[in-house]
């Protein structure tokens, strides 16, 4: 995504938020640029989040986006980025049980 399209996308998403727009955008940037966080409050340590740690919770509590319009905006961006003939595979690893013998991600398997 080029910088002008990214700017337009961020502005469109910003306009769909009802309250706490600036705090949510700072939090979003902090989430995207923080490598590891064990709790929400750790995002407040990111330099992109210019508020104090209680603002993380307040922003999430106060923000009331129009979810349907926001999802439509995301879908529109996705359709512009990925040709309709391609399939998208999104892999997320999440489990309550640790894989203590898996040294790297490739050692972990996908099970149906």
C-alpha atoms as a PDB file:
ATOM      1  CA  UNK A   1       0.000   0.000   0.000  1.00  0.00           C
ATOM      2  CA  UNK A   2       1.513   3.314  -0.997  1.00  0.00           C
ATOM      3  CA  UNK A   3       1.719   6.137   1.516  1.00  0.00           C
ATOM      4  CA  UNK A   4      -1.122   8.172  -0.034  1.00  0.00           C
ATOM      5  CA  UNK A   5      -3.504   5.196   0.020  1.00  0.00           C
ATOM      6  CA  UNK A   6      -2.467   4.398   3.581  1.00  0.00           C
ATOM      7  CA  UNK A   7      -3.176   8.000   4.582  1.00  0.00           C
ATOM      8  CA  UNK A   8      -6.605   7.864   2.920  1.00  0.00           C
ATOM      9  CA  UNK A   9      -7.401   4.537   4.566  1.00  0.00           C
ATOM     10  CA  UNK A  10      -6.384   5.782   8.019  1.00  0.00           C
ATOM     11  CA  UNK A  11      -8.438   8.942   7.571  1.00  0.00           C
ATOM     12  CA  UNK A  12     -11.508   6.947   6.488  1.00  0.00           C
ATOM     13  CA  UNK A  13     -11.098   4.602   9.482  1.00  0.00           C
ATOM     14  CA  UNK A  14     -10.605   7.582  11.807  1.00  0.00           C
ATOM     15  CA  UNK A  15     -13.876   9.129  10.627  1.00  0.00           C
ATOM     16  CA  UNK A  16     -15.771   5.920  11.442  1.00  0.00           C
ATOM     17  CA  UNK A  17     -14.781   6.117  15.100  1.00  0.00           C
ATOM     18  CA  UNK A  18     -17.225   7.982  17.317  1.00  0.00           C
ATOM     19  CA  UNK A  19     -15.249   8.755  20.474  1.00  0.00           C
ATOM     20  CA  UNK A  20     -11.619   8.556  21.637  1.00  0.00           C
ATOM     21  CA  UNK A  21     -10.375   8.686  18.033  1.00  0.00           C
ATOM     22  CA  UNK A  22      -6.876   9.996  18.797  1.00  0.00           C
ATOM     23  CA  UNK A  23      -6.332   7.605  21.697  1.00  0.00           C
ATOM     24  CA  UNK A  24      -7.491   4.618  19.624  1.00  0.00           C
ATOM     25  CA  UNK A  25      -5.159   5.540  16.775  1.00  0.00           C
ATOM     26  CA  UNK A  26      -2.217   5.917  19.148  1.00  0.00           C
ATOM     27  CA  UNK A  27      -3.103   2.557  20.684  1.00  0.00           C
ATOM     28  CA  UNK A  28      -3.438   0.955  17.247  1.00  0.00           C
ATOM     29  CA  UNK A  29       0.011   2.227  16.245  1.00  0.00           C
ATOM     30  CA  UNK A  30       1.441   1.002  19.549  1.00  0.00           C
ATOM     31  CA  UNK A  31      -0.084  -2.465  19.031  1.00  0.00           C
ATOM     32  CA  UNK A  32       1.347  -2.715  15.503  1.00  0.00           C
ATOM     33  CA  UNK A  33       4.835  -1.716  16.587  1.00  0.00           C
ATOM     34  CA  UNK A  34       5.172  -3.529  19.927  1.00  0.00           C
ATOM     35  CA  UNK A  35       6.922  -6.874  19.621  1.00  0.00           C
ATOM     36  CA  UNK A  36       5.751  -8.480  22.859  1.00  0.00           C
ATOM     37  CA  UNK A  37       3.181  -7.430  25.395  1.00  0.00           C
ATOM     38  CA  UNK A  38       1.872  -9.589  28.189  1.00  0.00           C
ATOM     39  CA  UNK A  39      -0.943  -7.183  29.081  1.00  0.00           C
ATOM     40  CA  UNK A  40      -2.775  -4.216  27.607  1.00  0.00           C
ATOM     41  CA  UNK A  41      -1.013  -1.730  29.860  1.00  0.00           C
ATOM     42  CA  UNK A  42       2.337  -2.580  28.223  1.00  0.00           C
ATOM     43  CA  UNK A  43       1.198  -0.860  25.024  1.00  0.00           C
ATOM     44  CA  UNK A  44       1.269   2.410  26.956  1.00  0.00           C
ATOM     45  CA  UNK A  45       5.081   2.045  27.179  1.00  0.00           C
ATOM     46  CA  UNK A  46       5.391   2.379  23.405  1.00  0.00           C
ATOM     47  CA  UNK A  47       6.550   5.887  22.409  1.00  0.00           C
ATOM     48  CA  UNK A  48       3.725   6.107  19.864  1.00  0.00           C
ATOM     49  CA  UNK A  49       1.195   5.977  22.702  1.00  0.00           C
ATOM     50  CA  UNK A  50       1.571   9.452  24.182  1.00  0.00           C
ATOM     51  CA  UNK A  51      -0.876   8.990  27.040  1.00  0.00           C
ATOM     52  CA  UNK A  52      -0.644   7.326  30.431  1.00  0.00           C
ATOM     53  CA  UNK A  53      -1.475   3.657  30.897  1.00  0.00           C
ATOM     54  CA  UNK A  54      -5.102   4.080  32.136  1.00  0.00           C
ATOM     55  CA  UNK A  55      -5.871   5.695  28.768  1.00  0.00           C
ATOM     56  CA  UNK A  56      -5.435   2.317  27.080  1.00  0.00           C
ATOM     57  CA  UNK A  57      -8.445   0.951  28.924  1.00  0.00           C
ATOM     58  CA  UNK A  58     -10.419   4.200  28.654  1.00  0.00           C
ATOM     59  CA  UNK A  59      -9.894   4.394  24.894  1.00  0.00           C
ATOM     60  CA  UNK A  60     -11.143   0.840  24.405  1.00  0.00           C
ATOM     61  CA  UNK A  61     -14.093   1.490  26.670  1.00  0.00           C
ATOM     62  CA  UNK A  62     -15.058   4.816  25.074  1.00  0.00           C
ATOM     63  CA  UNK A  63     -14.533   3.963  21.412  1.00  0.00           C
ATOM     64  CA  UNK A  64     -17.789   3.118  19.658  1.00  0.00           C
ATOM     65  CA  UNK A  65     -16.982   2.454  15.996  1.00  0.00           C
ATOM     66  CA  UNK A  66     -19.580   1.700  13.381  1.00  0.00           C
ATOM     67  CA  UNK A  67     -18.465  -1.909  13.065  1.00  0.00           C
ATOM     68  CA  UNK A  68     -20.344  -2.654   9.857  1.00  0.00           C
ATOM     69  CA  UNK A  69     -18.887   0.349   8.022  1.00  0.00           C
ATOM     70  CA  UNK A  70     -15.423  -0.352   9.422  1.00  0.00           C
ATOM     71  CA  UNK A  71     -15.550  -3.952   8.165  1.00  0.00           C
ATOM     72  CA  UNK A  72     -16.738  -2.703   4.762  1.00  0.00           C
ATOM     73  CA  UNK A  73     -13.747  -0.349   4.655  1.00  0.00           C
ATOM     74  CA  UNK A  74     -11.376  -3.223   5.531  1.00  0.00           C
ATOM     75  CA  UNK A  75     -12.992  -5.459   2.909  1.00  0.00           C
ATOM     76  CA  UNK A  76     -12.652  -2.738   0.285  1.00  0.00           C
ATOM     77  CA  UNK A  77      -8.955  -2.346   1.074  1.00  0.00           C
ATOM     78  CA  UNK A  78      -8.409  -6.088   0.969  1.00  0.00           C
ATOM     79  CA  UNK A  79     -10.085  -6.374  -2.422  1.00  0.00           C
ATOM     80  CA  UNK A  80      -7.823  -3.638  -3.787  1.00  0.00           C
ATOM     81  CA  UNK A  81      -4.712  -5.365  -2.428  1.00  0.00           C
ATOM     82  CA  UNK A  82      -5.388  -8.978  -3.345  1.00  0.00           C
ATOM     83  CA  UNK A  83      -6.636 -10.112  -6.747  1.00  0.00           C
ATOM     84  CA  UNK A  84      -9.946 -11.966  -6.578  1.00  0.00           C
ATOM     85  CA  UNK A  85      -8.416 -15.151  -8.020  1.00  0.00           C
ATOM     86  CA  UNK A  86      -6.003 -15.671  -5.141  1.00  0.00           C
ATOM     87  CA  UNK A  87      -6.770 -17.407  -1.859  1.00  0.00           C
ATOM     88  CA  UNK A  88      -5.651 -15.883   1.396  1.00  0.00           C
ATOM     89  CA  UNK A  89      -4.391 -18.094   4.189  1.00  0.00           C
ATOM     90  CA  UNK A  90      -4.082 -16.497   7.582  1.00  0.00           C
ATOM     91  CA  UNK A  91      -2.381 -18.638  10.186  1.00  0.00           C
ATOM     92  CA  UNK A  92      -2.612 -17.883  13.856  1.00  0.00           C
ATOM     93  CA  UNK A  93      -0.985 -20.007  16.511  1.00  0.00           C
ATOM     94  CA  UNK A  94      -2.811 -19.965  19.798  1.00  0.00           C
ATOM     95  CA  UNK A  95      -3.038 -22.633  22.439  1.00  0.00           C
ATOM     96  CA  UNK A  96      -3.243 -22.906  26.181  1.00  0.00           C
ATOM     97  CA  UNK A  97      -0.654 -25.695  26.116  1.00  0.00           C
ATOM     98  CA  UNK A  98       2.982 -24.822  25.613  1.00  0.00           C
ATOM     99  CA  UNK A  99       5.001 -26.589  22.919  1.00  0.00           C
ATOM    100  CA  UNK A 100       8.174 -26.898  24.949  1.00  0.00           C
ATOM    101  CA  UNK A 101      10.001 -29.038  22.381  1.00  0.00           C
ATOM    102  CA  UNK A 102       9.163 -26.853  19.376  1.00  0.00           C
ATOM    103  CA  UNK A 103      12.276 -24.701  18.918  1.00  0.00           C
ATOM    104  CA  UNK A 104      10.933 -22.825  15.888  1.00  0.00           C
ATOM    105  CA  UNK A 105       7.567 -22.130  14.320  1.00  0.00           C
ATOM    106  CA  UNK A 106       8.213 -24.655  11.517  1.00  0.00           C
ATOM    107  CA  UNK A 107       8.386 -27.395  14.186  1.00  0.00           C
ATOM    108  CA  UNK A 108       4.773 -26.705  15.023  1.00  0.00           C
ATOM    109  CA  UNK A 109       2.124 -28.414  12.974  1.00  0.00           C
ATOM    110  CA  UNK A 110      -1.387 -27.737  11.749  1.00  0.00           C
ATOM    111  CA  UNK A 111      -3.966 -30.305  12.757  1.00  0.00           C
ATOM    112  CA  UNK A 112      -7.541 -30.563  11.561  1.00  0.00           C
END
